[in-house]
Amino acid sequence: DRLNALPDETLELILSQLGSDEAVRTSALSRRWRDVYAAVPVVDIGGQDCSGRDRTTSEIPVCFDQRVTGAILCKSPGTPIRAFRLLDQWMVTALSSGAEEIDVALRYLYSSRRRLCPFDSSENASADFDEYDRKRYTKAQRQLFGCTTLRCLRLTNGTLDLPLCMAMSSLEALYLARIMDPGMQLLLSCPRLADLTLQECPSIRKIAVTSVHLRSFAMICCHHATRIRLSSPCLRSLHYKGGLPRKPLFKVANFAGVVVLRIEICEDLSGKQQTDVAPVSTLIAQCTNLMHLYLSLRPSMASHSSLFRDVIRGLPLRLLGLGFQGYLLKDDDVRSVADLLSLTENLEVLSLFALGPPEGTSTREDTCKISAFEGCSFGGVLGCLDGWTMPM
């Protein structure tokens, strides 16, 4: 009997392709199959409607929530649930009812703790998933991409199963996190897109957002990206978090329209040349009408402070909000921040997020205290601030 001779792992993989009810029925085949279903890491009740009746049979209906509960509790104690498939009818019902906001967060056990940032201190830090991980991700329901009433869509952990024809003419906000597909076709099908966030999506290389209504764009730890083209003349907010780009990363139709810029560099800037940091400073300089600027630099706020001082000096006097994040390890770090502040006399909001020293680094206790700024010239900045925050 070749089928019964297969190892448990193979039989579990086979049963994971069936619905949960069908998988449980195999326990009646023989002693060999009695407990195999309990180790299947999939709960699949997608073929049933909310009355609990299986669409493929004429069984007496059972309460739907009892079926879901039973399918979960019948698993062995050590069996993880890697796929949870009961979105089918619920999703169809919500979309056909004219849903305007959908938030689908799928969970993948093995990769949920992996940090998709090669500069993170975690042992699981990585810029990519391997091919084995990609194949095990659940595909988002196709029905999502044919809804004409949807205005806000958030997808986390999964792959995109895009239909050939999509009608997302009303979508205004899109948030993709840990999506294993570049989603280029999806972005091109959203003519009214105004708010776009891409977070930890390793497949992103080169993308173009054609929506002329785009006002806010954020790209967080998409470390394989090499070129981002934003065609909207309405762009107001730009957020980038990642390593130092080797060349200018963003091509924006109207840099002058950007009034809020947030830049977080994950990479350690120690030992980097000014030419390495030039793409970042150039991006700041191109936004000639900035009103709010936030910089997060590693390891300290003083990293290439002279370069950023020259850039900030060239910004207009209308800069109202300024934020810094980084380590304050030495007195020189504090002075460099004070120098930057002295160039922004019209500030209304100032935020300094002084991180504690990294492990293995010795530092004076008073370097992160506000008293460390004594003797530094602010140009009257602190005296006229409407808002002042310094989280420690």
Protein backbone atom coordinates (compact mmCIF):
# COMPACT_ATOMS: atom_id res chain seq x y z
CA ASP A 1 0.00 0.00 0.00
CA ARG A 2 2.10 2.87 -1.28
CA LEU A 3 -0.23 5.62 -0.07
CA ASN A 4 -0.23 4.43 3.54
CA ALA A 5 3.54 4.03 3.37
CA LEU A 6 4.04 7.75 2.79
CA PRO A 7 5.45 9.72 5.75
CA ASP A 8 3.12 11.84 7.88
CA GLU A 9 4.54 15.08 6.49
CA THR A 10 3.53 14.09 2.95
CA LEU A 11 0.04 13.02 3.97
CA GLU A 12 -0.43 16.29 5.87
CA LEU A 13 0.60 18.24 2.76
CA ILE A 14 -1.96 16.30 0.71
CA LEU A 15 -4.75 16.91 3.24
CA SER A 16 -3.89 20.62 3.42
CA GLN A 17 -5.22 20.92 -0.14
CA LEU A 18 -8.68 19.72 0.99
CA GLY A 19 -11.38 21.46 2.96
CA SER A 20 -11.31 20.87 6.71
CA ASP A 21 -14.42 18.65 6.64
CA GLU A 22 -12.96 16.44 3.92
CA ALA A 23 -9.66 16.18 5.77
CA VAL A 24 -11.43 15.03 8.95
CA ARG A 25 -13.39 12.38 7.02
CA THR A 26 -10.13 10.63 6.12
CA SER A 27 -9.80 9.58 9.78
CA ALA A 28 -12.38 6.87 9.05
CA LEU A 29 -10.23 5.21 6.38
CA SER A 30 -8.00 3.16 8.68
CA ARG A 31 -5.89 3.29 11.82
CA ARG A 32 -3.07 4.80 9.76
CA TRP A 33 -5.22 7.81 8.92
CA ARG A 34 -6.93 8.19 12.29
CA ASP A 35 -4.87 11.16 13.57
CA VAL A 36 -3.24 12.51 10.42
CA TYR A 37 -5.81 15.31 9.98
CA ALA A 38 -5.01 16.70 13.45
CA ALA A 39 -1.52 17.74 12.31
CA VAL A 40 -2.66 19.52 9.14
CA PRO A 41 -1.67 23.22 9.56
CA VAL A 42 -4.64 24.52 7.55
CA VAL A 43 -8.19 25.52 8.50
CA ASP A 44 -10.24 25.69 5.30
CA ILE A 45 -13.98 26.32 5.52
CA GLY A 46 -14.09 28.60 2.50
CA GLY A 47 -16.49 26.36 0.58
CA GLN A 48 -19.37 26.85 3.02
CA ASP A 49 -21.83 29.68 3.34
CA CYS A 50 -22.57 31.38 6.64
CA SER A 51 -25.48 29.01 7.38
CA GLY A 52 -22.93 26.20 7.72
CA ARG A 53 -24.23 24.24 4.73
CA ASP A 54 -21.58 22.91 2.36
CA ARG A 55 -22.34 24.18 -1.13
CA THR A 56 -21.17 20.88 -2.65
CA THR A 57 -23.37 18.58 -0.53
CA SER A 58 -26.88 18.42 0.92
CA GLU A 59 -25.81 17.91 4.52
CA ILE A 60 -27.92 19.16 7.40
CA PRO A 61 -26.56 22.64 8.23
CA VAL A 62 -24.50 23.16 11.37
CA CYS A 63 -23.93 26.53 13.06
CA PHE A 64 -21.07 28.18 11.16
CA ASP A 65 -19.15 29.39 14.21
CA GLN A 66 -19.29 25.86 15.66
CA ARG A 67 -17.68 24.51 12.50
CA VAL A 68 -14.90 27.09 12.66
CA THR A 69 -14.32 26.41 16.36
CA GLY A 70 -14.31 22.65 15.84
CA ALA A 71 -11.87 22.89 12.92
CA ILE A 72 -9.44 24.86 15.11
CA LEU A 73 -9.75 22.84 18.32
CA CYS A 74 -9.34 19.47 16.61
CA LYS A 75 -5.68 20.26 15.88
CA SER A 76 -2.93 18.65 17.90
CA PRO A 77 -1.53 20.93 20.65
CA GLY A 78 1.76 21.51 18.81
CA THR A 79 0.26 22.07 15.35
CA PRO A 80 0.53 25.66 14.08
CA ILE A 81 -2.21 27.08 11.84
CA ARG A 82 -0.33 28.41 8.83
CA ALA A 83 -3.37 29.03 6.61
CA PHE A 84 -6.84 30.13 7.66
CA ARG A 85 -9.28 30.00 4.74
CA LEU A 86 -12.78 31.16 5.56
CA LEU A 87 -12.73 34.55 3.86
CA ASP A 88 -14.48 33.43 0.69
CA GLN A 89 -18.16 33.97 1.45
CA TRP A 90 -17.61 36.68 4.05
CA MET A 91 -15.45 38.68 1.67
CA VAL A 92 -17.89 38.27 -1.23
CA THR A 93 -20.80 39.34 0.97
CA ALA A 94 -18.96 42.42 2.28
CA LEU A 95 -17.83 43.54 -1.16
CA SER A 96 -21.20 42.95 -2.80
CA SER A 97 -22.76 45.06 -0.04
CA GLY A 98 -20.66 48.05 -1.10
CA ALA A 99 -17.80 47.85 1.43
CA GLU A 100 -15.56 50.93 1.38
CA GLU A 101 -12.75 49.73 3.68
CA ILE A 102 -11.16 46.28 3.90
CA ASP A 103 -8.28 45.27 6.20
CA VAL A 104 -6.88 41.75 5.69
CA ALA A 105 -3.94 40.77 7.88
CA LEU A 106 -2.82 37.20 7.23
CA ARG A 107 -0.35 35.63 9.61
CA TYR A 108 2.59 33.47 8.62
CA LEU A 109 4.16 31.74 11.60
CA TYR A 110 7.75 31.20 10.46
CA SER A 111 8.26 34.66 9.03
CA SER A 112 6.19 36.78 11.42
CA ARG A 113 9.25 37.42 13.63
CA ARG A 114 11.72 37.99 10.82
CA ARG A 115 12.78 41.60 10.39
CA LEU A 116 12.97 42.56 6.74
CA CYS A 117 15.81 44.97 7.33
CA PRO A 118 19.41 43.80 6.89
CA PHE A 119 20.61 46.56 9.25
CA ASP A 120 18.46 45.39 12.17
CA SER A 121 20.27 43.96 15.18
CA SER A 122 18.03 40.89 15.29
CA GLU A 123 19.51 37.52 14.34
CA ASN A 124 16.56 37.05 11.98
CA ALA A 125 17.24 40.29 10.11
CA SER A 126 17.05 39.83 6.35
CA ALA A 127 16.21 41.85 3.25
CA ASP A 128 14.30 39.01 1.62
CA PHE A 129 12.42 35.75 2.05
CA ASP A 130 13.70 32.59 0.44
CA GLU A 131 11.74 30.87 -2.32
CA TYR A 132 10.34 28.30 0.11
CA ASP A 133 8.77 31.05 2.22
CA ARG A 134 7.27 32.77 -0.81
CA LYS A 135 5.44 29.66 -1.96
CA ARG A 136 3.80 29.17 1.43
CA TYR A 137 2.21 32.61 1.56
CA THR A 138 -1.57 32.79 1.16
CA LYS A 139 -2.96 34.59 -1.88
CA ALA A 140 -5.31 37.50 -1.31
CA GLN A 141 -8.85 36.92 -2.60
CA ARG A 142 -9.39 37.99 -6.21
CA GLN A 143 -12.75 39.50 -5.29
CA LEU A 144 -10.88 42.34 -3.59
CA PHE A 145 -9.57 43.65 -6.88
CA GLY A 146 -12.90 43.92 -8.66
CA CYS A 147 -14.77 46.08 -6.18
CA THR A 148 -15.79 49.49 -7.52
CA THR A 149 -16.84 50.91 -4.12
CA LEU A 150 -13.64 50.14 -2.17
CA ARG A 151 -11.88 53.29 -0.96
CA CYS A 152 -9.32 51.91 1.51
CA LEU A 153 -7.48 48.58 1.28
CA ARG A 154 -4.88 47.19 3.72
CA LEU A 155 -3.14 43.89 2.97
CA THR A 156 -0.55 42.35 5.29
CA ASN A 157 1.38 39.09 4.80
CA GLY A 158 0.49 37.40 1.52
CA THR A 159 0.77 37.28 -2.23
CA LEU A 160 -1.40 38.99 -4.84
CA ASP A 161 -3.65 36.91 -7.08
CA LEU A 162 -4.56 39.66 -9.51
CA PRO A 163 -7.22 39.16 -12.20
CA LEU A 164 -6.54 40.25 -15.76
CA CYS A 165 -9.11 43.03 -15.48
CA MET A 166 -9.38 45.13 -12.32
CA ALA A 167 -11.84 47.87 -11.52
CA MET A 168 -10.54 49.79 -8.52
CA SER A 169 -11.64 53.18 -9.70
CA SER A 170 -12.63 54.37 -6.20
CA LEU A 171 -9.55 53.26 -4.24
CA GLU A 172 -7.95 56.22 -2.47
CA ALA A 173 -5.74 54.59 0.20
CA LEU A 174 -3.59 51.46 -0.21
CA TYR A 175 -1.34 49.88 2.43
CA LEU A 176 0.78 46.86 1.47
CA ALA A 177 2.98 45.24 4.12
CA ARG A 178 5.06 42.06 3.64
CA ILE A 179 3.49 41.41 0.25
CA MET A 180 5.54 39.00 -1.84
CA ASP A 181 4.60 40.51 -5.23
CA PRO A 182 5.57 43.91 -6.62
CA GLY A 183 1.92 44.80 -7.25
CA MET A 184 2.77 46.99 -10.24
CA GLN A 185 -0.43 46.07 -12.04
CA LEU A 186 -2.41 46.87 -8.91
CA LEU A 187 -0.87 50.35 -8.59
CA LEU A 188 -1.56 51.14 -12.24
CA SER A 189 -5.23 50.23 -11.81
CA CYS A 190 -5.91 52.84 -9.09
CA PRO A 191 -6.44 56.18 -10.88
CA ARG A 192 -7.72 57.95 -7.73
CA LEU A 193 -5.01 56.72 -5.35
CA ALA A 194 -4.12 59.48 -2.86
CA ASP A 195 -2.33 57.64 -0.03
CA LEU A 196 0.15 54.78 -0.62
CA THR A 197 2.32 52.91 1.92
CA LEU A 198 4.70 50.08 0.99
CA GLN A 199 6.32 48.34 3.94
CA GLU A 200 8.79 45.43 3.93
CA CYS A 201 7.88 44.30 0.42
CA PRO A 202 11.05 42.56 -0.85
CA SER A 203 9.80 42.16 -4.44
CA ILE A 204 9.72 45.89 -5.12
CA ARG A 205 12.42 46.96 -7.55
CA LYS A 206 11.17 49.67 -9.88
CA ILE A 207 7.64 51.00 -9.63
CA ALA A 208 5.69 53.88 -11.10
CA VAL A 209 2.62 55.41 -9.47
CA THR A 210 0.61 57.09 -12.20
CA SER A 211 -2.25 58.47 -10.10
CA VAL A 212 -2.27 62.26 -10.39
CA HIS A 213 -4.13 62.46 -7.06
CA LEU A 214 -1.34 60.97 -4.93
CA ARG A 215 -0.72 63.18 -1.89
CA SER A 216 1.16 60.89 0.50
CA PHE A 217 3.76 58.21 -0.23
CA ALA A 218 5.72 56.06 2.25
CA MET A 219 8.27 53.34 1.53
CA ILE A 220 9.55 51.52 4.61
CA CYS A 221 12.35 48.93 4.48
CA CYS A 222 11.83 47.90 0.86
CA HIS A 223 15.56 47.40 0.54
CA HIS A 224 15.62 46.11 -3.04
CA ALA A 225 13.98 49.22 -4.51
CA THR A 226 16.15 51.04 -7.05
CA ARG A 227 13.77 53.50 -8.72
CA ILE A 228 10.45 55.03 -7.65
CA ARG A 229 8.58 57.34 -10.02
CA LEU A 230 5.71 59.42 -8.64
CA SER A 231 3.78 61.25 -11.35
CA SER A 232 1.43 63.24 -9.14
CA PRO A 233 1.81 67.03 -9.01
CA CYS A 234 -0.21 66.94 -5.77
CA LEU A 235 2.34 65.05 -3.64
CA ARG A 236 2.62 66.69 -0.21
CA SER A 237 4.15 64.05 2.09
CA LEU A 238 7.12 61.76 1.40
CA HIS A 239 8.48 59.15 3.82
CA TYR A 240 11.54 56.99 3.18
CA LYS A 241 13.05 54.44 5.55
CA GLY A 242 15.92 52.24 4.38
CA GLY A 243 19.63 52.10 3.68
CA LEU A 244 21.62 54.71 1.81
CA PRO A 245 20.51 54.67 -1.83
CA ARG A 246 23.44 54.34 -4.24
CA LYS A 247 21.90 56.92 -6.56
CA PRO A 248 18.85 59.19 -6.53
CA LEU A 249 15.93 56.90 -5.72
CA PHE A 250 12.91 59.11 -6.25
CA LYS A 251 11.73 60.77 -9.41
CA VAL A 252 8.93 63.12 -8.38
CA ALA A 253 6.85 65.22 -10.75
CA ASN A 254 6.72 68.17 -8.35
CA PHE A 255 9.37 68.25 -5.59
CA ALA A 256 8.35 71.81 -4.77
CA GLY A 257 4.94 70.58 -3.65
CA VAL A 258 6.38 68.36 -0.89
CA VAL A 259 5.91 70.08 2.48
CA VAL A 260 6.46 67.10 4.82
CA LEU A 261 9.60 64.96 4.45
CA ARG A 262 10.57 62.08 6.72
CA ILE A 263 13.89 60.26 6.20
CA GLU A 264 15.05 57.36 8.36
CA ILE A 265 18.39 55.78 7.48
CA CYS A 266 18.69 52.22 8.84
CA GLU A 267 22.33 51.94 7.79
CA ASP A 268 25.23 52.91 10.02
CA LEU A 269 26.71 56.12 8.61
CA SER A 270 30.01 55.76 10.44
CA GLY A 271 32.88 55.84 7.97
CA LYS A 272 30.66 56.80 5.04
CA GLN A 273 31.90 59.46 2.66
CA GLN A 274 29.88 62.57 1.85
CA THR A 275 29.38 61.24 -1.66
CA ASP A 276 27.64 58.21 -0.15
CA VAL A 277 25.21 60.43 1.73
CA ALA A 278 24.72 62.82 -1.19
CA PRO A 279 21.50 61.16 -2.51
CA VAL A 280 19.84 61.82 0.86
CA SER A 281 20.95 65.44 1.11
CA THR A 282 19.96 65.99 -2.52
CA LEU A 283 16.47 64.70 -1.81
CA ILE A 284 16.08 67.20 1.04
CA ALA A 285 17.43 70.05 -1.06
CA GLN A 286 15.01 69.32 -3.91
CA CYS A 287 12.01 69.88 -1.62
CA THR A 288 12.36 73.64 -1.74
CA ASN A 289 9.11 74.43 0.11
CA LEU A 290 9.50 72.11 3.09
CA MET A 291 7.58 72.97 6.24
CA HIS A 292 8.30 69.82 8.29
CA LEU A 293 11.51 67.76 8.20
CA TYR A 294 12.25 64.63 10.25
CA LEU A 295 15.67 62.94 10.22
CA SER A 296 16.65 59.66 11.86
CA LEU A 297 20.36 58.88 11.52
CA ARG A 298 22.54 56.05 12.78
CA PRO A 299 24.47 55.84 14.95
CA SER A 300 24.17 59.44 16.09
CA MET A 301 22.51 62.68 15.15
CA ALA A 302 25.95 64.06 14.40
CA SER A 303 26.51 61.73 11.44
CA HIS A 304 27.55 64.00 8.58
CA SER A 305 26.03 66.97 10.39
CA SER A 306 28.05 69.46 8.34
CA LEU A 307 26.49 68.15 5.14
CA PHE A 308 22.95 68.34 6.52
CA ARG A 309 23.69 71.78 8.00
CA ASP A 310 24.45 73.11 4.53
CA VAL A 311 21.23 71.58 3.20
CA ILE A 312 19.07 73.00 5.99
CA ARG A 313 20.70 76.40 5.54
CA GLY A 314 19.39 76.39 1.97
CA LEU A 315 15.82 75.61 3.00
CA PRO A 316 13.27 78.42 3.14
CA LEU A 317 12.56 80.27 6.37
CA ARG A 318 9.08 78.73 6.42
CA LEU A 319 10.40 75.49 8.01
CA LEU A 320 8.05 75.15 10.99
CA GLY A 321 8.63 71.58 12.19
CA LEU A 322 11.90 69.75 12.77
CA GLY A 323 12.65 66.34 14.28
CA PHE A 324 15.82 64.37 14.98
CA GLN A 325 16.36 60.83 16.18
CA GLY A 326 19.67 59.19 17.02
CA TYR A 327 22.24 58.53 19.70
CA LEU A 328 23.82 61.33 21.70
CA LEU A 329 27.12 59.71 22.59
CA LYS A 330 29.45 62.69 22.89
CA ASP A 331 29.36 66.40 23.56
CA ASP A 332 30.12 66.95 19.86
CA ASP A 333 26.87 65.17 19.00
CA VAL A 334 24.91 67.62 21.11
CA ARG A 335 26.72 70.62 19.63
CA SER A 336 26.06 69.42 16.08
CA VAL A 337 22.32 69.28 16.78
CA ALA A 338 22.45 72.75 18.33
CA ASP A 339 24.16 74.03 15.18
CA LEU A 340 21.37 72.63 13.05
CA LEU A 341 18.74 74.21 15.29
CA SER A 342 20.41 77.61 15.06
CA LEU A 343 19.52 77.65 11.35
CA THR A 344 15.78 77.27 11.92
CA GLU A 345 14.64 80.42 13.68
CA ASN A 346 10.94 80.10 12.80
CA LEU A 347 10.33 76.64 14.29
CA GLU A 348 7.00 75.99 15.96
CA VAL A 349 7.45 72.27 16.68
CA LEU A 350 10.71 70.58 17.66
CA SER A 351 11.08 66.88 18.43
CA LEU A 352 14.32 65.32 19.69
CA PHE A 353 14.28 61.56 20.19
CA ALA A 354 17.57 60.82 21.93
CA LEU A 355 18.19 57.07 21.87
CA GLY A 356 20.10 55.31 24.61
CA PRO A 357 23.66 54.19 23.88
CA PRO A 358 24.06 50.99 21.84
CA GLU A 359 25.26 47.88 23.64
CA GLY A 360 28.95 47.93 24.53
CA THR A 361 29.21 51.72 24.22
CA SER A 362 30.24 53.77 27.23
CA THR A 363 28.86 57.29 27.50
CA ARG A 364 28.50 60.03 30.09
CA GLU A 365 25.22 60.01 31.97
CA ASP A 366 24.49 63.63 31.23
CA THR A 367 24.91 63.54 27.44
CA CYS A 368 21.20 62.94 26.84
CA LYS A 369 20.02 65.59 29.27
CA ILE A 370 18.70 68.89 28.07
CA SER A 371 21.31 70.60 30.26
CA ALA A 372 23.91 69.39 27.76
CA PHE A 373 22.71 72.15 25.43
CA GLU A 374 23.86 74.88 27.83
CA GLY A 375 26.28 77.25 26.21
CA CYS A 376 25.08 76.43 22.68
CA SER A 377 23.60 79.18 20.56
CA PHE A 378 20.06 78.39 19.36
CA GLY A 379 19.34 81.74 17.78
CA GLY A 380 16.32 82.12 20.07
CA VAL A 381 14.70 78.92 18.81
CA LEU A 382 13.59 77.45 22.13
CA GLY A 383 12.13 80.72 23.31
CA CYS A 384 9.56 80.93 20.52
CA LEU A 385 8.53 77.26 20.16
CA ASP A 386 4.81 76.53 20.31
CA GLY A 387 5.52 72.82 20.76
CA TRP A 388 8.50 71.11 22.33
CA THR A 389 8.95 67.38 22.83
CA MET A 390 11.97 65.37 23.88
CA PRO A 391 11.01 61.75 24.49
CA MET A 392 13.76 59.82 26.23
